[in-house]
């Protein structure tokens, strides 16, 4: 009897945890060359990081999905880790040297947009986002 109760509790807990994850489906355009390594960071509406990682992008047509527990609104910022050193390389005046993009097509050439400009609304179990990577000189 205890085994059955434990099994049911475990199944309920697993289903609840899996049910809370949201899929963010991302597509990337404007990459320098394929394959490419794209770094991503998902932020909540208070600009706090929820999760971060890397996606190996083979071509611009492919959609890449990550599972993450997000609120009703969230933001994503990405950059192309062209030299695969796991950091966003910056120039003398701290401008990014690698291409980058933000959710909601938020863009400021010489600075990072406010999180309010990057926020997107969670849609169902999956939110689709398309990013067009740009360099700091794109206006």
N, C-alpha and C. Protein backbone atom coordinates (compact mmCIF):
# COMPACT_ATOMS: atom_id res chain seq x y z
N UNK A 1 0.81 -1.19 0.00
CA UNK A 1 0.00 0.00 0.00
C UNK A 1 0.87 1.27 0.00
N UNK A 2 1.94 1.26 0.79
CA UNK A 2 2.84 2.41 0.84
C UNK A 2 3.52 2.60 -0.51
N UNK A 3 3.89 1.50 -1.17
CA UNK A 3 4.51 1.60 -2.50
C UNK A 3 3.57 2.24 -3.50
N UNK A 4 2.32 1.87 -3.46
CA UNK A 4 1.34 2.44 -4.40
C UNK A 4 1.18 3.93 -4.13
N UNK A 5 1.05 4.29 -2.86
CA UNK A 5 0.91 5.70 -2.51
C UNK A 5 2.15 6.49 -2.93
N UNK A 6 3.34 5.94 -2.69
CA UNK A 6 4.58 6.60 -3.09
C UNK A 6 4.66 6.74 -4.61
N UNK A 7 4.29 5.69 -5.33
CA UNK A 7 4.31 5.72 -6.80
C UNK A 7 3.36 6.78 -7.35
N UNK A 8 2.16 6.85 -6.77
CA UNK A 8 1.20 7.86 -7.22
C UNK A 8 1.70 9.27 -6.91
N UNK A 9 2.28 9.45 -5.75
CA UNK A 9 2.83 10.75 -5.38
C UNK A 9 3.96 11.15 -6.32
N UNK A 10 4.85 10.20 -6.63
CA UNK A 10 5.95 10.46 -7.55
C UNK A 10 5.43 10.81 -8.94
N UNK A 11 4.45 10.06 -9.43
CA UNK A 11 3.88 10.31 -10.75
C UNK A 11 3.23 11.69 -10.80
N UNK A 12 2.50 12.06 -9.73
CA UNK A 12 1.87 13.37 -9.68
C UNK A 12 2.92 14.49 -9.67
N UNK A 13 3.96 14.31 -8.86
CA UNK A 13 5.02 15.33 -8.77
C UNK A 13 5.74 15.47 -10.10
N UNK A 14 6.05 14.37 -10.76
CA UNK A 14 6.73 14.42 -12.05
C UNK A 14 5.86 15.11 -13.09
N UNK A 15 4.59 14.79 -13.11
CA UNK A 15 3.67 15.40 -14.07
C UNK A 15 3.53 16.90 -13.81
N UNK A 16 3.48 17.29 -12.55
CA UNK A 16 3.39 18.70 -12.20
C UNK A 16 4.64 19.45 -12.64
N UNK A 17 5.81 18.89 -12.38
CA UNK A 17 7.07 19.54 -12.76
C UNK A 17 7.18 19.66 -14.27
N UNK A 18 6.85 18.59 -14.99
CA UNK A 18 6.94 18.63 -16.45
C UNK A 18 5.90 19.59 -16.99
N UNK A 19 4.73 19.63 -16.40
CA UNK A 19 3.66 20.50 -16.86
C UNK A 19 4.01 21.98 -16.70
N UNK A 20 4.90 22.33 -15.81
CA UNK A 20 5.26 23.72 -15.60
C UNK A 20 6.28 24.21 -16.61
N UNK A 21 6.98 23.34 -17.28
CA UNK A 21 7.97 23.76 -18.25
C UNK A 21 7.29 24.31 -19.49
N UNK A 22 7.89 25.31 -20.04
CA UNK A 22 7.39 25.95 -21.25
C UNK A 22 8.45 25.77 -22.33
N UNK A 23 8.02 25.57 -23.54
CA UNK A 23 8.95 25.41 -24.65
C UNK A 23 9.12 26.75 -25.36
N UNK A 24 10.36 27.18 -25.50
CA UNK A 24 10.67 28.36 -26.31
C UNK A 24 11.31 27.84 -27.58
N UNK A 25 10.62 28.04 -28.70
CA UNK A 25 11.10 27.59 -30.02
C UNK A 25 11.77 28.78 -30.69
N UNK A 26 13.07 28.64 -30.96
CA UNK A 26 13.86 29.76 -31.49
C UNK A 26 14.42 29.44 -32.88
N UNK A 27 14.38 30.45 -33.73
CA UNK A 27 14.98 30.35 -35.05
C UNK A 27 15.93 31.54 -35.20
N UNK A 28 17.06 31.31 -35.84
CA UNK A 28 18.11 32.32 -35.89
C UNK A 28 18.45 32.69 -37.33
N UNK A 29 18.41 33.99 -37.64
CA UNK A 29 18.79 34.50 -38.95
C UNK A 29 19.93 35.49 -38.77
N UNK A 30 20.67 35.73 -39.82
CA UNK A 30 21.75 36.70 -39.75
C UNK A 30 23.03 36.17 -39.12
N UNK A 31 23.13 34.86 -38.97
CA UNK A 31 24.33 34.25 -38.41
C UNK A 31 25.49 34.42 -39.40
N UNK A 32 26.69 34.65 -38.90
CA UNK A 32 27.86 34.87 -39.77
C UNK A 32 28.12 33.69 -40.68
N UNK A 33 28.15 32.48 -40.10
CA UNK A 33 28.33 31.27 -40.89
C UNK A 33 27.79 30.08 -40.11
N UNK A 34 27.36 29.09 -40.85
CA UNK A 34 26.81 27.87 -40.23
C UNK A 34 27.82 26.75 -40.38
N UNK A 35 27.91 25.84 -39.42
CA UNK A 35 27.22 25.84 -38.13
C UNK A 35 27.73 26.96 -37.23
N UNK A 36 26.90 27.32 -36.25
CA UNK A 36 27.22 28.41 -35.34
C UNK A 36 26.81 28.03 -33.92
N UNK A 37 27.47 28.64 -32.98
CA UNK A 37 27.13 28.45 -31.58
C UNK A 37 26.43 29.71 -31.08
N UNK A 38 25.19 29.54 -30.63
CA UNK A 38 24.40 30.67 -30.15
C UNK A 38 24.22 30.54 -28.64
N UNK A 39 24.59 31.59 -27.93
CA UNK A 39 24.39 31.64 -26.48
C UNK A 39 23.05 32.32 -26.23
N UNK A 40 22.28 31.80 -25.27
CA UNK A 40 21.00 32.42 -24.94
C UNK A 40 20.89 32.60 -23.43
N UNK A 41 20.11 33.59 -23.06
CA UNK A 41 19.77 33.81 -21.66
C UNK A 41 18.30 34.22 -21.61
N UNK A 42 17.52 33.51 -20.81
CA UNK A 42 16.10 33.81 -20.63
C UNK A 42 15.97 34.60 -19.33
N UNK A 43 15.25 35.72 -19.41
CA UNK A 43 15.07 36.62 -18.27
C UNK A 43 13.60 36.71 -17.89
N UNK A 44 13.32 36.92 -16.60
CA UNK A 44 11.94 37.17 -16.20
C UNK A 44 11.64 38.66 -16.39
N UNK A 45 10.45 39.08 -16.06
CA UNK A 45 10.05 40.47 -16.29
C UNK A 45 10.79 41.47 -15.40
N UNK A 46 11.50 40.97 -14.38
CA UNK A 46 12.33 41.82 -13.53
C UNK A 46 13.79 41.84 -13.96
N UNK A 47 14.07 41.29 -15.15
CA UNK A 47 15.42 41.22 -15.73
C UNK A 47 16.35 40.27 -14.98
N UNK A 48 15.79 39.35 -14.22
CA UNK A 48 16.58 38.32 -13.52
C UNK A 48 16.71 37.11 -14.42
N UNK A 49 17.90 36.53 -14.49
CA UNK A 49 18.14 35.37 -15.34
C UNK A 49 17.40 34.15 -14.81
N UNK A 50 16.70 33.46 -15.70
CA UNK A 50 16.01 32.22 -15.37
C UNK A 50 16.89 31.04 -15.76
N UNK A 51 17.43 31.10 -16.96
CA UNK A 51 18.31 30.04 -17.45
C UNK A 51 19.18 30.59 -18.57
N UNK A 52 20.27 29.90 -18.83
CA UNK A 52 21.17 30.28 -19.92
C UNK A 52 21.80 29.02 -20.47
N UNK A 53 22.26 29.10 -21.70
CA UNK A 53 22.90 27.94 -22.32
C UNK A 53 23.33 28.24 -23.73
N UNK A 54 23.63 27.19 -24.47
CA UNK A 54 24.11 27.30 -25.84
C UNK A 54 23.34 26.36 -26.74
N UNK A 55 23.16 26.77 -27.99
CA UNK A 55 22.52 25.96 -29.00
C UNK A 55 23.47 25.89 -30.19
N UNK A 56 23.69 24.69 -30.70
CA UNK A 56 24.49 24.51 -31.91
C UNK A 56 23.55 24.60 -33.12
N UNK A 57 23.66 25.68 -33.85
CA UNK A 57 22.77 25.97 -34.97
C UNK A 57 23.41 25.48 -36.27
N UNK A 58 22.70 24.60 -36.95
CA UNK A 58 23.22 24.02 -38.19
C UNK A 58 22.80 24.81 -39.43
N UNK A 59 21.59 25.39 -39.41
CA UNK A 59 21.07 26.15 -40.55
C UNK A 59 19.96 27.08 -40.09
N UNK A 60 19.66 28.10 -40.90
CA UNK A 60 18.68 29.10 -40.45
C UNK A 60 17.25 28.61 -40.49
N UNK A 61 16.95 27.55 -41.22
CA UNK A 61 15.58 27.05 -41.29
C UNK A 61 15.18 26.23 -40.06
N UNK A 62 16.14 25.69 -39.34
CA UNK A 62 15.84 24.80 -38.23
C UNK A 62 15.37 25.60 -37.01
N UNK A 63 14.37 25.05 -36.33
CA UNK A 63 13.85 25.65 -35.10
C UNK A 63 14.42 24.86 -33.93
N UNK A 64 14.97 25.56 -32.95
CA UNK A 64 15.59 24.94 -31.78
C UNK A 64 14.73 25.24 -30.56
N UNK A 65 14.48 24.22 -29.75
CA UNK A 65 13.61 24.39 -28.59
C UNK A 65 14.36 24.17 -27.28
N UNK A 66 14.00 24.99 -26.29
CA UNK A 66 14.50 24.80 -24.94
C UNK A 66 13.29 24.76 -24.02
N UNK A 67 13.38 23.98 -22.96
CA UNK A 67 12.32 23.91 -21.96
C UNK A 67 12.73 24.75 -20.76
N UNK A 68 11.83 25.61 -20.33
CA UNK A 68 12.13 26.49 -19.20
C UNK A 68 10.82 26.91 -18.54
N UNK A 69 10.84 27.10 -17.24
CA UNK A 69 9.68 27.56 -16.49
C UNK A 69 9.68 29.08 -16.50
N UNK A 70 8.77 29.67 -17.28
CA UNK A 70 8.70 31.13 -17.40
C UNK A 70 7.37 31.64 -16.87
N UNK A 71 7.33 32.92 -16.57
CA UNK A 71 6.09 33.57 -16.18
C UNK A 71 5.29 33.94 -17.41
N UNK A 72 4.27 34.76 -17.23
CA UNK A 72 3.43 35.17 -18.35
C UNK A 72 4.19 36.02 -19.36
N UNK A 73 5.21 36.73 -18.91
CA UNK A 73 6.07 37.51 -19.79
C UNK A 73 7.51 37.15 -19.49
N UNK A 74 8.33 37.14 -20.54
CA UNK A 74 9.74 36.85 -20.38
C UNK A 74 10.51 37.49 -21.54
N UNK A 75 11.82 37.51 -21.41
CA UNK A 75 12.68 38.07 -22.44
C UNK A 75 13.82 37.10 -22.72
N UNK A 76 14.36 37.18 -23.93
CA UNK A 76 15.50 36.35 -24.30
C UNK A 76 16.53 37.24 -24.98
N UNK A 77 17.78 37.08 -24.57
CA UNK A 77 18.87 37.78 -25.24
C UNK A 77 19.85 36.72 -25.73
N UNK A 78 20.40 36.94 -26.92
CA UNK A 78 21.29 35.95 -27.52
C UNK A 78 22.50 36.64 -28.13
N UNK A 79 23.55 35.86 -28.33
CA UNK A 79 24.68 36.33 -29.13
C UNK A 79 25.32 35.13 -29.82
N UNK A 80 25.97 35.42 -30.93
CA UNK A 80 26.68 34.38 -31.67
C UNK A 80 28.08 34.26 -31.09
N UNK A 81 28.37 33.14 -30.49
CA UNK A 81 29.69 32.90 -29.91
C UNK A 81 30.61 32.41 -31.03
N UNK A 82 31.00 33.36 -31.88
CA UNK A 82 31.72 33.04 -33.12
C UNK A 82 33.03 32.30 -32.87
N UNK A 83 33.75 32.66 -31.83
CA UNK A 83 35.04 32.00 -31.56
C UNK A 83 34.92 30.93 -30.48
N UNK A 84 33.68 30.65 -30.04
CA UNK A 84 33.39 29.56 -29.09
C UNK A 84 34.17 29.65 -27.78
N UNK A 85 34.34 30.88 -27.29
CA UNK A 85 35.05 31.05 -26.02
C UNK A 85 34.12 31.26 -24.83
N UNK A 86 32.82 31.14 -25.06
CA UNK A 86 31.78 31.21 -24.02
C UNK A 86 31.64 32.58 -23.36
N UNK A 87 32.09 33.64 -24.03
CA UNK A 87 31.85 35.00 -23.54
C UNK A 87 31.53 35.90 -24.73
N UNK A 88 30.76 36.94 -24.48
CA UNK A 88 30.49 37.93 -25.51
C UNK A 88 31.71 38.84 -25.59
N UNK A 89 32.44 38.72 -26.68
CA UNK A 89 33.66 39.51 -26.85
C UNK A 89 33.29 40.98 -27.05
N UNK A 90 34.07 41.84 -26.42
CA UNK A 90 33.81 43.28 -26.47
C UNK A 90 35.05 44.04 -26.91
N UNK A 91 34.80 45.20 -27.52
CA UNK A 91 35.88 46.05 -28.00
C UNK A 91 36.37 47.01 -26.94
N UNK A 92 37.20 47.93 -27.36
CA UNK A 92 37.84 48.89 -26.47
C UNK A 92 36.82 49.73 -25.70
N UNK A 93 35.71 50.09 -26.32
CA UNK A 93 34.68 50.90 -25.67
C UNK A 93 33.52 50.02 -25.17
N UNK A 94 33.78 48.76 -24.93
CA UNK A 94 32.85 47.74 -24.42
C UNK A 94 31.72 47.38 -25.39
N UNK A 95 31.82 47.82 -26.64
CA UNK A 95 30.80 47.44 -27.61
C UNK A 95 30.98 45.96 -27.98
N UNK A 96 29.88 45.24 -28.18
CA UNK A 96 29.99 43.82 -28.56
C UNK A 96 30.69 43.66 -29.92
N UNK A 97 31.58 42.71 -30.00
CA UNK A 97 32.26 42.41 -31.25
C UNK A 97 31.61 41.25 -32.00
N UNK A 98 30.70 40.54 -31.31
CA UNK A 98 29.98 39.44 -31.93
C UNK A 98 28.52 39.85 -32.12
N UNK A 99 27.86 39.23 -33.10
CA UNK A 99 26.47 39.56 -33.39
C UNK A 99 25.57 39.17 -32.23
N UNK A 100 24.48 39.93 -32.05
CA UNK A 100 23.57 39.68 -30.94
C UNK A 100 22.15 40.08 -31.33
N UNK A 101 21.18 39.68 -30.50
CA UNK A 101 19.78 40.03 -30.74
C UNK A 101 18.99 39.88 -29.44
N UNK A 102 17.79 40.46 -29.44
CA UNK A 102 16.92 40.43 -28.28
C UNK A 102 15.51 40.04 -28.71
N UNK A 103 14.76 39.43 -27.81
CA UNK A 103 13.38 39.10 -28.12
C UNK A 103 12.58 40.37 -28.37
N UNK A 104 11.45 40.20 -29.04
CA UNK A 104 10.56 41.30 -29.39
C UNK A 104 11.23 42.27 -30.36
N UNK A 105 12.29 41.83 -31.02
CA UNK A 105 13.05 42.67 -31.96
C UNK A 105 13.53 43.98 -31.33
N UNK A 106 13.71 43.97 -30.02
CA UNK A 106 14.22 45.16 -29.34
C UNK A 106 15.65 45.42 -29.83
N UNK A 107 15.96 46.67 -30.10
CA UNK A 107 17.29 46.97 -30.63
C UNK A 107 17.71 48.38 -30.26
N UNK A 108 18.91 48.47 -29.77
CA UNK A 108 19.59 49.75 -29.58
C UNK A 108 21.01 49.51 -30.02
N UNK A 109 21.47 50.32 -30.95
CA UNK A 109 22.77 50.07 -31.58
C UNK A 109 23.93 50.09 -30.59
N UNK A 110 23.94 51.01 -29.67
CA UNK A 110 25.10 51.14 -28.81
C UNK A 110 24.85 50.77 -27.36
N UNK A 111 23.68 50.22 -27.05
CA UNK A 111 23.42 49.79 -25.69
C UNK A 111 22.37 48.68 -25.69
N UNK A 112 22.22 48.06 -24.55
CA UNK A 112 21.23 47.00 -24.38
C UNK A 112 19.87 47.64 -24.12
N UNK A 113 18.81 47.17 -24.80
CA UNK A 113 17.48 47.73 -24.52
C UNK A 113 16.99 47.36 -23.13
N UNK A 114 16.05 48.14 -22.62
CA UNK A 114 15.42 47.83 -21.34
C UNK A 114 14.67 46.51 -21.46
N UNK A 115 14.54 45.79 -20.37
CA UNK A 115 13.85 44.51 -20.39
C UNK A 115 12.40 44.69 -20.85
N UNK A 116 11.77 45.82 -20.52
CA UNK A 116 10.38 46.07 -20.95
C UNK A 116 10.25 46.04 -22.47
N UNK A 117 11.28 46.45 -23.18
CA UNK A 117 11.27 46.43 -24.64
C UNK A 117 11.46 45.01 -25.19
N UNK A 118 12.07 44.13 -24.41
CA UNK A 118 12.35 42.77 -24.85
C UNK A 118 11.24 41.78 -24.49
N UNK A 119 10.35 42.14 -23.58
CA UNK A 119 9.35 41.20 -23.07
C UNK A 119 8.42 40.69 -24.16
N UNK A 120 8.19 39.38 -24.12
CA UNK A 120 7.21 38.74 -24.98
C UNK A 120 6.20 38.01 -24.10
N UNK A 121 5.02 37.82 -24.64
CA UNK A 121 3.96 37.14 -23.92
C UNK A 121 4.08 35.64 -24.12
N UNK A 122 3.99 34.88 -23.06
CA UNK A 122 3.97 33.43 -23.13
C UNK A 122 2.71 33.00 -23.89
N UNK A 123 2.86 32.08 -24.84
CA UNK A 123 1.72 31.63 -25.63
C UNK A 123 1.57 30.12 -25.47
N UNK A 124 0.52 29.69 -24.82
CA UNK A 124 0.25 28.27 -24.66
C UNK A 124 1.40 27.51 -24.05
N UNK A 125 1.70 26.34 -24.63
CA UNK A 125 2.81 25.52 -24.15
C UNK A 125 4.10 25.81 -24.89
N UNK A 126 4.02 26.59 -25.99
CA UNK A 126 5.20 26.88 -26.78
C UNK A 126 5.13 28.31 -27.31
N UNK A 127 6.21 29.04 -27.14
CA UNK A 127 6.33 30.38 -27.70
C UNK A 127 7.41 30.35 -28.77
N UNK A 128 7.05 30.81 -29.97
CA UNK A 128 8.00 30.82 -31.09
C UNK A 128 8.63 32.21 -31.21
N UNK A 129 9.95 32.24 -31.31
CA UNK A 129 10.68 33.49 -31.46
C UNK A 129 11.65 33.37 -32.63
N UNK A 130 11.73 34.40 -33.45
CA UNK A 130 12.71 34.46 -34.52
C UNK A 130 13.64 35.63 -34.22
N UNK A 131 14.94 35.35 -34.22
CA UNK A 131 15.95 36.36 -33.94
C UNK A 131 16.73 36.67 -35.22
N UNK A 132 16.99 37.94 -35.46
CA UNK A 132 17.88 38.35 -36.53
C UNK A 132 19.09 38.98 -35.86
N UNK A 133 20.21 38.27 -35.92
CA UNK A 133 21.43 38.75 -35.27
C UNK A 133 22.02 39.91 -36.05
N UNK A 134 22.49 40.91 -35.32
CA UNK A 134 23.08 42.11 -35.92
C UNK A 134 24.38 42.43 -35.20
N UNK A 135 25.18 43.24 -35.85
CA UNK A 135 26.40 43.73 -35.19
C UNK A 135 26.14 45.13 -34.68
N UNK A 136 27.02 45.63 -33.89
CA UNK A 136 26.84 46.95 -33.27
C UNK A 136 26.78 48.06 -34.32
N UNK A 137 27.30 47.83 -35.51
CA UNK A 137 27.28 48.87 -36.55
C UNK A 137 25.99 48.87 -37.36
N UNK A 138 25.09 47.92 -37.14
CA UNK A 138 23.81 47.91 -37.85
C UNK A 138 22.87 48.89 -37.17
N UNK A 139 22.35 49.83 -37.94
CA UNK A 139 21.45 50.84 -37.36
C UNK A 139 20.06 50.68 -37.91
